[in-house]
Amino acid sequence: MRTVERILFYLMVSFRGLILMLCRAFMFLFLIGFGLSWLLAPQTDAARLRWVLFALGAMFWALSWLYDSLILKLTPEDKDVALWR
């Protein structure tokens, strides 16, 4: 089991930059869409879409946070890991 955890840890660390970059890009796109829908169409029936955009932005933020938490939990005992954003 430790071997699987160690392999998963090294795979996740090696793809961490790409995953976090994609999460941030999607988060900012969805939150910009949320803000623009609030400013450009405040009185329309787009309220449901507005909150879906906000929820998707929050989901990508949470995904990036949970990804780092999972890396820290999978860290082998003989390694010290410091993750920077």
PDB file of N, CA and C in Angstrom:
ATOM      1  N   MET A   1       0.821  -1.195   0.000  1.00  0.00           N
ATOM      2  CA  MET A   1       0.000   0.000   0.000  1.00  0.00           C
ATOM      3  C   MET A   1       0.866   1.261   0.000  1.00  0.00           C
ATOM      4  N   ARG A   2       1.967   1.227   0.699  1.00  0.00           N
ATOM      5  CA  ARG A   2       2.845   2.397   0.743  1.00  0.00           C
ATOM      6  C   ARG A   2       3.431   2.698  -0.625  1.00  0.00           C
ATOM      7  N   THR A   3       3.673   1.654  -1.395  1.00  0.00           N
ATOM      8  CA  THR A   3       4.229   1.860  -2.737  1.00  0.00           C
ATOM      9  C   THR A   3       3.234   2.590  -3.620  1.00  0.00           C
ATOM     10  N   VAL A   4       1.969   2.207  -3.533  1.00  0.00           N
ATOM     11  CA  VAL A   4       0.925   2.873  -4.324  1.00  0.00           C
ATOM     12  C   VAL A   4       0.790   4.332  -3.892  1.00  0.00           C
ATOM     13  N   GLU A   5       0.810   4.572  -2.589  1.00  0.00           N
ATOM     14  CA  GLU A   5       0.723   5.949  -2.090  1.00  0.00           C
ATOM     15  C   GLU A   5       1.914   6.781  -2.553  1.00  0.00           C
ATOM     16  N   ARG A   6       3.091   6.185  -2.532  1.00  0.00           N
ATOM     17  CA  ARG A   6       4.295   6.908  -2.945  1.00  0.00           C
ATOM     18  C   ARG A   6       4.248   7.236  -4.436  1.00  0.00           C
ATOM     19  N   ILE A   7       3.816   6.276  -5.264  1.00  0.00           N
ATOM     20  CA  ILE A   7       3.696   6.523  -6.705  1.00  0.00           C
ATOM     21  C   ILE A   7       2.658   7.602  -6.975  1.00  0.00           C
ATOM     22  N   LEU A   8       1.517   7.523  -6.279  1.00  0.00           N
ATOM     23  CA  LEU A   8       0.472   8.530  -6.441  1.00  0.00           C
ATOM     24  C   LEU A   8       0.967   9.902  -6.004  1.00  0.00           C
ATOM     25  N   PHE A   9       1.722   9.958  -4.912  1.00  0.00           N
ATOM     26  CA  PHE A   9       2.274  11.220  -4.434  1.00  0.00           C
ATOM     27  C   PHE A   9       3.180  11.858  -5.489  1.00  0.00           C
ATOM     28  N   TYR A  10       4.103  11.089  -6.037  1.00  0.00           N
ATOM     29  CA  TYR A  10       5.042  11.651  -7.011  1.00  0.00           C
ATOM     30  C   TYR A  10       4.350  12.045  -8.310  1.00  0.00           C
ATOM     31  N   LEU A  11       3.326  11.298  -8.709  1.00  0.00           N
ATOM     32  CA  LEU A  11       2.552  11.692  -9.896  1.00  0.00           C
ATOM     33  C   LEU A  11       1.803  12.993  -9.651  1.00  0.00           C
ATOM     34  N   MET A  12       1.181  13.099  -8.487  1.00  0.00           N
ATOM     35  CA  MET A  12       0.422  14.312  -8.179  1.00  0.00           C
ATOM     36  C   MET A  12       1.331  15.528  -8.058  1.00  0.00           C
ATOM     37  N   VAL A  13       2.505  15.363  -7.453  1.00  0.00           N
ATOM     38  CA  VAL A  13       3.431  16.486  -7.319  1.00  0.00           C
ATOM     39  C   VAL A  13       3.955  16.918  -8.685  1.00  0.00           C
ATOM     40  N   SER A  14       4.198  15.942  -9.566  1.00  0.00           N
ATOM     41  CA  SER A  14       4.739  16.310 -10.873  1.00  0.00           C
ATOM     42  C   SER A  14       3.717  17.033 -11.744  1.00  0.00           C
ATOM     43  N   PHE A  15       2.427  16.757 -11.563  1.00  0.00           N
ATOM     44  CA  PHE A  15       1.399  17.443 -12.345  1.00  0.00           C
ATOM     45  C   PHE A  15       0.732  18.583 -11.578  1.00  0.00           C
ATOM     46  N   ARG A  16       1.251  18.924 -10.420  1.00  0.00           N
ATOM     47  CA  ARG A  16       0.622  19.940  -9.569  1.00  0.00           C
ATOM     48  C   ARG A  16       0.539  21.306 -10.242  1.00  0.00           C
ATOM     49  N   GLY A  17       1.616  21.728 -10.881  1.00  0.00           N
ATOM     50  CA  GLY A  17       1.622  23.043 -11.526  1.00  0.00           C
ATOM     51  C   GLY A  17       0.565  23.152 -12.613  1.00  0.00           C
ATOM     52  N   LEU A  18       0.455  22.133 -13.440  1.00  0.00           N
ATOM     53  CA  LEU A  18      -0.541  22.134 -14.509  1.00  0.00           C
ATOM     54  C   LEU A  18      -1.959  22.125 -13.946  1.00  0.00           C
ATOM     55  N   ILE A  19      -2.208  21.280 -12.950  1.00  0.00           N
ATOM     56  CA  ILE A  19      -3.545  21.182 -12.356  1.00  0.00           C
ATOM     57  C   ILE A  19      -3.945  22.509 -11.712  1.00  0.00           C
ATOM     58  N   LEU A  20      -3.038  23.104 -10.948  1.00  0.00           N
ATOM     59  CA  LEU A  20      -3.371  24.370 -10.286  1.00  0.00           C
ATOM     60  C   LEU A  20      -3.556  25.500 -11.295  1.00  0.00           C
ATOM     61  N   MET A  21      -2.757  25.505 -12.351  1.00  0.00           N
ATOM     62  CA  MET A  21      -2.911  26.536 -13.378  1.00  0.00           C
ATOM     63  C   MET A  21      -4.275  26.418 -14.057  1.00  0.00           C
ATOM     64  N   LEU A  22      -4.688  25.202 -14.392  1.00  0.00           N
ATOM     65  CA  LEU A  22      -5.999  25.004 -15.013  1.00  0.00           C
ATOM     66  C   LEU A  22      -7.137  25.353 -14.055  1.00  0.00           C
ATOM     67  N   CYS A  23      -6.997  24.970 -12.800  1.00  0.00           N
ATOM     68  CA  CYS A  23      -8.030  25.308 -11.814  1.00  0.00           C
ATOM     69  C   CYS A  23      -8.171  26.818 -11.659  1.00  0.00           C
ATOM     70  N   ARG A  24      -7.051  27.517 -11.576  1.00  0.00           N
ATOM     71  CA  ARG A  24      -7.112  28.980 -11.447  1.00  0.00           C
ATOM     72  C   ARG A  24      -7.703  29.630 -12.685  1.00  0.00           C
ATOM     73  N   ALA A  25      -7.327  29.131 -13.868  1.00  0.00           N
ATOM     74  CA  ALA A  25      -7.849  29.713 -15.104  1.00  0.00           C
ATOM     75  C   ALA A  25      -9.366  29.553 -15.175  1.00  0.00           C
ATOM     76  N   PHE A  26      -9.855  28.346 -14.905  1.00  0.00           N
ATOM     77  CA  PHE A  26     -11.299  28.126 -14.939  1.00  0.00           C
ATOM     78  C   PHE A  26     -12.011  28.904 -13.837  1.00  0.00           C
ATOM     79  N   MET A  27     -11.394  28.977 -12.657  1.00  0.00           N
ATOM     80  CA  MET A  27     -11.999  29.726 -11.566  1.00  0.00           C
ATOM     81  C   MET A  27     -12.161  31.193 -11.949  1.00  0.00           C
ATOM     82  N   PHE A  28     -11.103  31.799 -12.489  1.00  0.00           N
ATOM     83  CA  PHE A  28     -11.185  33.205 -12.872  1.00  0.00           C
ATOM     84  C   PHE A  28     -12.170  33.420 -14.018  1.00  0.00           C
ATOM     85  N   LEU A  29     -12.213  32.522 -14.984  1.00  0.00           N
ATOM     86  CA  LEU A  29     -13.181  32.661 -16.074  1.00  0.00           C
ATOM     87  C   LEU A  29     -14.616  32.626 -15.553  1.00  0.00           C
ATOM     88  N   PHE A  30     -14.908  31.661 -14.700  1.00  0.00           N
ATOM     89  CA  PHE A  30     -16.268  31.552 -14.167  1.00  0.00           C
ATOM     90  C   PHE A  30     -16.620  32.736 -13.269  1.00  0.00           C
ATOM     91  N   LEU A  31     -15.659  33.193 -12.459  1.00  0.00           N
ATOM     92  CA  LEU A  31     -15.960  34.323 -11.583  1.00  0.00           C
ATOM     93  C   LEU A  31     -16.052  35.635 -12.356  1.00  0.00           C
ATOM     94  N   ILE A  32     -15.294  35.785 -13.432  1.00  0.00           N
ATOM     95  CA  ILE A  32     -15.450  36.963 -14.291  1.00  0.00           C
ATOM     96  C   ILE A  32     -16.810  36.919 -14.981  1.00  0.00           C
ATOM     97  N   GLY A  33     -17.220  35.736 -15.429  1.00  0.00           N
ATOM     98  CA  GLY A  33     -18.554  35.589 -16.014  1.00  0.00           C
ATOM     99  C   GLY A  33     -19.643  35.914 -15.018  1.00  0.00           C
ATOM    100  N   PHE A  34     -19.454  35.499 -13.760  1.00  0.00           N
ATOM    101  CA  PHE A  34     -20.407  35.834 -12.697  1.00  0.00           C
ATOM    102  C   PHE A  34     -20.499  37.340 -12.505  1.00  0.00           C
ATOM    103  N   GLY A  35     -19.335  37.996 -12.418  1.00  0.00           N
ATOM    104  CA  GLY A  35     -19.338  39.451 -12.228  1.00  0.00           C
ATOM    105  C   GLY A  35     -19.931  40.192 -13.407  1.00  0.00           C
ATOM    106  N   LEU A  36     -19.603  39.776 -14.623  1.00  0.00           N
ATOM    107  CA  LEU A  36     -20.158  40.435 -15.809  1.00  0.00           C
ATOM    108  C   LEU A  36     -21.656  40.214 -15.925  1.00  0.00           C
ATOM    109  N   SER A  37     -22.132  39.032 -15.572  1.00  0.00           N
ATOM    110  CA  SER A  37     -23.573  38.799 -15.636  1.00  0.00           C
ATOM    111  C   SER A  37     -24.300  39.633 -14.592  1.00  0.00           C
ATOM    112  N   TRP A  38     -23.641  39.883 -13.479  1.00  0.00           N
ATOM    113  CA  TRP A  38     -24.247  40.723 -12.445  1.00  0.00           C
ATOM    114  C   TRP A  38     -24.300  42.185 -12.897  1.00  0.00           C
ATOM    115  N   LEU A  39     -23.254  42.647 -13.578  1.00  0.00           N
ATOM    116  CA  LEU A  39     -23.189  44.045 -13.996  1.00  0.00           C
ATOM    117  C   LEU A  39     -23.995  44.322 -15.264  1.00  0.00           C
ATOM    118  N   LEU A  40     -23.939  43.413 -16.231  1.00  0.00           N
ATOM    119  CA  LEU A  40     -24.548  43.678 -17.525  1.00  0.00           C
ATOM    120  C   LEU A  40     -26.021  43.297 -17.610  1.00  0.00           C
ATOM    121  N   ALA A  41     -26.451  42.343 -16.815  1.00  0.00           N
ATOM    122  CA  ALA A  41     -27.848  41.909 -16.893  1.00  0.00           C
ATOM    123  C   ALA A  41     -28.405  41.680 -15.487  1.00  0.00           C
ATOM    124  N   PRO A  42     -28.531  42.748 -14.699  1.00  0.00           N
ATOM    125  CA  PRO A  42     -28.953  42.536 -13.307  1.00  0.00           C
ATOM    126  C   PRO A  42     -30.431  42.166 -13.155  1.00  0.00           C
ATOM    127  N   GLN A  43     -31.284  42.528 -14.102  1.00  0.00           N
ATOM    128  CA  GLN A  43     -32.720  42.328 -13.929  1.00  0.00           C
ATOM    129  C   GLN A  43     -33.305  41.229 -14.806  1.00  0.00           C
ATOM    130  N   THR A  44     -32.474  40.444 -15.451  1.00  0.00           N
ATOM    131  CA  THR A  44     -32.998  39.426 -16.362  1.00  0.00           C
ATOM    132  C   THR A  44     -33.188  38.094 -15.654  1.00  0.00           C
ATOM    133  N   ASP A  45     -33.591  37.117 -16.440  1.00  0.00           N
ATOM    134  CA  ASP A  45     -33.803  35.773 -15.900  1.00  0.00           C
ATOM    135  C   ASP A  45     -32.512  34.971 -15.848  1.00  0.00           C
ATOM    136  N   ALA A  46     -31.383  35.626 -15.924  1.00  0.00           N
ATOM    137  CA  ALA A  46     -30.096  34.940 -15.910  1.00  0.00           C
ATOM    138  C   ALA A  46     -29.593  34.702 -14.489  1.00  0.00           C
ATOM    139  N   ALA A  47     -30.453  34.837 -13.504  1.00  0.00           N
ATOM    140  CA  ALA A  47     -30.024  34.660 -12.115  1.00  0.00           C
ATOM    141  C   ALA A  47     -29.550  33.235 -11.865  1.00  0.00           C
ATOM    142  N   ARG A  48     -30.214  32.265 -12.451  1.00  0.00           N
ATOM    143  CA  ARG A  48     -29.803  30.873 -12.260  1.00  0.00           C
ATOM    144  C   ARG A  48     -28.420  30.638 -12.872  1.00  0.00           C
ATOM    145  N   LEU A  49     -28.201  31.152 -14.074  1.00  0.00           N
ATOM    146  CA  LEU A  49     -26.900  31.021 -14.716  1.00  0.00           C
ATOM    147  C   LEU A  49     -25.822  31.729 -13.904  1.00  0.00           C
ATOM    148  N   ARG A  50     -26.162  32.864 -13.351  1.00  0.00           N
ATOM    149  CA  ARG A  50     -25.218  33.636 -12.546  1.00  0.00           C
ATOM    150  C   ARG A  50     -24.724  32.804 -11.367  1.00  0.00           C
ATOM    151  N   TRP A  51     -25.632  32.148 -10.660  1.00  0.00           N
ATOM    152  CA  TRP A  51     -25.240  31.366  -9.492  1.00  0.00           C
ATOM    153  C   TRP A  51     -24.557  30.059  -9.879  1.00  0.00           C
ATOM    154  N   VAL A  52     -24.861  29.544 -11.051  1.00  0.00           N
ATOM    155  CA  VAL A  52     -24.133  28.373 -11.547  1.00  0.00           C
ATOM    156  C   VAL A  52     -22.684  28.751 -11.832  1.00  0.00           C
ATOM    157  N   LEU A  53     -22.472  29.915 -12.437  1.00  0.00           N
ATOM    158  CA  LEU A  53     -21.106  30.385 -12.692  1.00  0.00           C
ATOM    159  C   LEU A  53     -20.339  30.581 -11.386  1.00  0.00           C
ATOM    160  N   PHE A  54     -21.004  31.141 -10.387  1.00  0.00           N
ATOM    161  CA  PHE A  54     -20.357  31.320  -9.090  1.00  0.00           C
ATOM    162  C   PHE A  54     -20.019  29.981  -8.454  1.00  0.00           C
ATOM    163  N   ALA A  55     -20.950  29.031  -8.522  1.00  0.00           N
ATOM    164  CA  ALA A  55     -20.717  27.712  -7.931  1.00  0.00           C
ATOM    165  C   ALA A  55     -19.574  26.985  -8.634  1.00  0.00           C
ATOM    166  N   LEU A  56     -19.488  27.107  -9.951  1.00  0.00           N
ATOM    167  CA  LEU A  56     -18.391  26.466 -10.680  1.00  0.00           C
ATOM    168  C   LEU A  56     -17.052  27.098 -10.328  1.00  0.00           C
ATOM    169  N   GLY A  57     -17.019  28.417 -10.179  1.00  0.00           N
ATOM    170  CA  GLY A  57     -15.790  29.088  -9.754  1.00  0.00           C
ATOM    171  C   GLY A  57     -15.365  28.638  -8.370  1.00  0.00           C
ATOM    172  N   ALA A  58     -16.326  28.530  -7.450  1.00  0.00           N
ATOM    173  CA  ALA A  58     -16.014  28.063  -6.098  1.00  0.00           C
ATOM    174  C   ALA A  58     -15.571  26.606  -6.115  1.00  0.00           C
ATOM    175  N   MET A  59     -16.149  25.801  -7.004  1.00  0.00           N
ATOM    176  CA  MET A  59     -15.768  24.397  -7.103  1.00  0.00           C
ATOM    177  C   MET A  59     -14.315  24.254  -7.552  1.00  0.00           C
ATOM    178  N   PHE A  60     -13.887  25.059  -8.514  1.00  0.00           N
ATOM    179  CA  PHE A  60     -12.503  24.973  -8.970  1.00  0.00           C
ATOM    180  C   PHE A  60     -11.535  25.496  -7.909  1.00  0.00           C
ATOM    181  N   TRP A  61     -11.944  26.480  -7.121  1.00  0.00           N
ATOM    182  CA  TRP A  61     -11.110  26.934  -6.015  1.00  0.00           C
ATOM    183  C   TRP A  61     -10.952  25.806  -4.989  1.00  0.00           C
ATOM    184  N   ALA A  62     -12.067  25.158  -4.654  1.00  0.00           N
ATOM    185  CA  ALA A  62     -12.023  24.062  -3.681  1.00  0.00           C
ATOM    186  C   ALA A  62     -11.208  22.889  -4.209  1.00  0.00           C
ATOM    187  N   LEU A  63     -11.293  22.621  -5.499  1.00  0.00           N
ATOM    188  CA  LEU A  63     -10.524  21.530  -6.088  1.00  0.00           C
ATOM    189  C   LEU A  63      -9.019  21.778  -5.957  1.00  0.00           C
ATOM    190  N   SER A  64      -8.593  23.012  -6.193  1.00  0.00           N
ATOM    191  CA  SER A  64      -7.164  23.313  -6.061  1.00  0.00           C
ATOM    192  C   SER A  64      -6.713  23.195  -4.603  1.00  0.00           C
ATOM    193  N   TRP A  65      -7.553  23.590  -3.673  1.00  0.00           N
ATOM    194  CA  TRP A  65      -7.225  23.500  -2.252  1.00  0.00           C
ATOM    195  C   TRP A  65      -7.180  22.033  -1.811  1.00  0.00           C
ATOM    196  N   LEU A  66      -8.151  21.249  -2.248  1.00  0.00           N
ATOM    197  CA  LEU A  66      -8.191  19.832  -1.886  1.00  0.00           C
ATOM    198  C   LEU A  66      -7.055  19.050  -2.531  1.00  0.00           C
ATOM    199  N   TYR A  67      -6.643  19.438  -3.716  1.00  0.00           N
ATOM    200  CA  TYR A  67      -5.523  18.781  -4.382  1.00  0.00           C
ATOM    201  C   TYR A  67      -4.256  18.915  -3.543  1.00  0.00           C
ATOM    202  N   ASP A  68      -4.002  20.123  -3.037  1.00  0.00           N
ATOM    203  CA  ASP A  68      -2.838  20.325  -2.174  1.00  0.00           C
ATOM    204  C   ASP A  68      -2.980  19.562  -0.860  1.00  0.00           C
ATOM    205  N   SER A  69      -4.183  19.522  -0.307  1.00  0.00           N
ATOM    206  CA  SER A  69      -4.403  18.775   0.933  1.00  0.00           C
ATOM    207  C   SER A  69      -4.146  17.293   0.732  1.00  0.00           C
ATOM    208  N   LEU A  70      -4.558  16.759  -0.402  1.00  0.00           N
ATOM    209  CA  LEU A  70      -4.329  15.346  -0.688  1.00  0.00           C
ATOM    210  C   LEU A  70      -2.834  15.058  -0.866  1.00  0.00           C
ATOM    211  N   ILE A  71      -2.118  15.972  -1.495  1.00  0.00           N
ATOM    212  CA  ILE A  71      -0.668  15.807  -1.624  1.00  0.00           C
ATOM    213  C   ILE A  71      -0.019  15.765  -0.244  1.00  0.00           C
ATOM    214  N   LEU A  72      -0.436  16.644   0.651  1.00  0.00           N
ATOM    215  CA  LEU A  72       0.149  16.665   1.991  1.00  0.00           C
ATOM    216  C   LEU A  72      -0.176  15.386   2.761  1.00  0.00           C
ATOM    217  N   LYS A  73      -1.376  14.839   2.556  1.00  0.00           N
ATOM    218  CA  LYS A  73      -1.731  13.589   3.239  1.00  0.00           C
ATOM    219  C   LYS A  73      -0.971  12.393   2.684  1.00  0.00           C
ATOM    220  N   LEU A  74      -0.624  12.427   1.402  1.00  0.00           N
ATOM    221  CA  LEU A  74       0.090  11.317   0.779  1.00  0.00           C
ATOM    222  C   LEU A  74       1.605  11.429   0.892  1.00  0.00           C
ATOM    223  N   THR A  75       2.098  12.480   1.521  1.00  0.00           N
ATOM    224  CA  THR A  75       3.539  12.692   1.626  1.00  0.00           C
ATOM    225  C   THR A  75       4.183  11.526   2.375  1.00  0.00           C
ATOM    226  N   PRO A  76       5.217  10.927   1.789  1.00  0.00           N
ATOM    227  CA  PRO A  76       5.919   9.844   2.492  1.00  0.00           C
ATOM    228  C   PRO A  76       6.534  10.353   3.799  1.00  0.00           C
ATOM    229  N   GLU A  77       6.708   9.435   4.730  1.00  0.00           N
ATOM    230  CA  GLU A  77       7.182   9.817   6.063  1.00  0.00           C
ATOM    231  C   GLU A  77       8.600  10.374   6.049  1.00  0.00           C
ATOM    232  N   ASP A  78       9.400   9.966   5.078  1.00  0.00           N
ATOM    233  CA  ASP A  78      10.793  10.428   5.046  1.00  0.00           C
ATOM    234  C   ASP A  78      10.982  11.704   4.233  1.00  0.00           C
ATOM    235  N   LYS A  79       9.893  12.346   3.828  1.00  0.00           N
ATOM    236  CA  LYS A  79       9.965  13.580   3.023  1.00  0.00           C
ATOM    237  C   LYS A  79       9.308  14.730   3.780  1.00  0.00           C
ATOM    238  N   ASP A  80       9.874  15.912   3.596  1.00  0.00           N
ATOM    239  CA  ASP A  80       9.255  17.150   4.062  1.00  0.00           C
ATOM    240  C   ASP A  80       8.815  17.934   2.835  1.00  0.00           C
ATOM    241  N   VAL A  81       7.553  18.316   2.800  1.00  0.00           N
ATOM    242  CA  VAL A  81       7.018  19.000   1.633  1.00  0.00           C
ATOM    243  C   VAL A  81       6.492  20.368   2.060  1.00  0.00           C
ATOM    244  N   ALA A  82       6.884  21.377   1.322  1.00  0.00           N
ATOM    245  CA  ALA A  82       6.346  22.723   1.505  1.00  0.00           C
ATOM    246  C   ALA A  82       5.769  23.156   0.166  1.00  0.00           C
ATOM    247  N   LEU A  83       4.476  23.351   0.121  1.00  0.00           N
ATOM    248  CA  LEU A  83       3.813  23.725  -1.130  1.00  0.00           C
ATOM    249  C   LEU A  83       3.618  25.238  -1.154  1.00  0.00           C
ATOM    250  N   TRP A  84       3.996  25.863  -2.239  1.00  0.00           N
ATOM    251  CA  TRP A  84       3.819  27.297  -2.417  1.00  0.00           C
ATOM    252  C   TRP A  84       2.797  27.511  -3.514  1.00  0.00           C
ATOM    253  N   ARG A  85       2.139  28.632  -3.468  1.00  0.00           N
ATOM    254  CA  ARG A  85       1.098  28.927  -4.461  1.00  0.00           C
ATOM    255  C   ARG A  85       1.577  29.984  -5.399  1.00  0.00           C
TER     256      ARG A  85
END
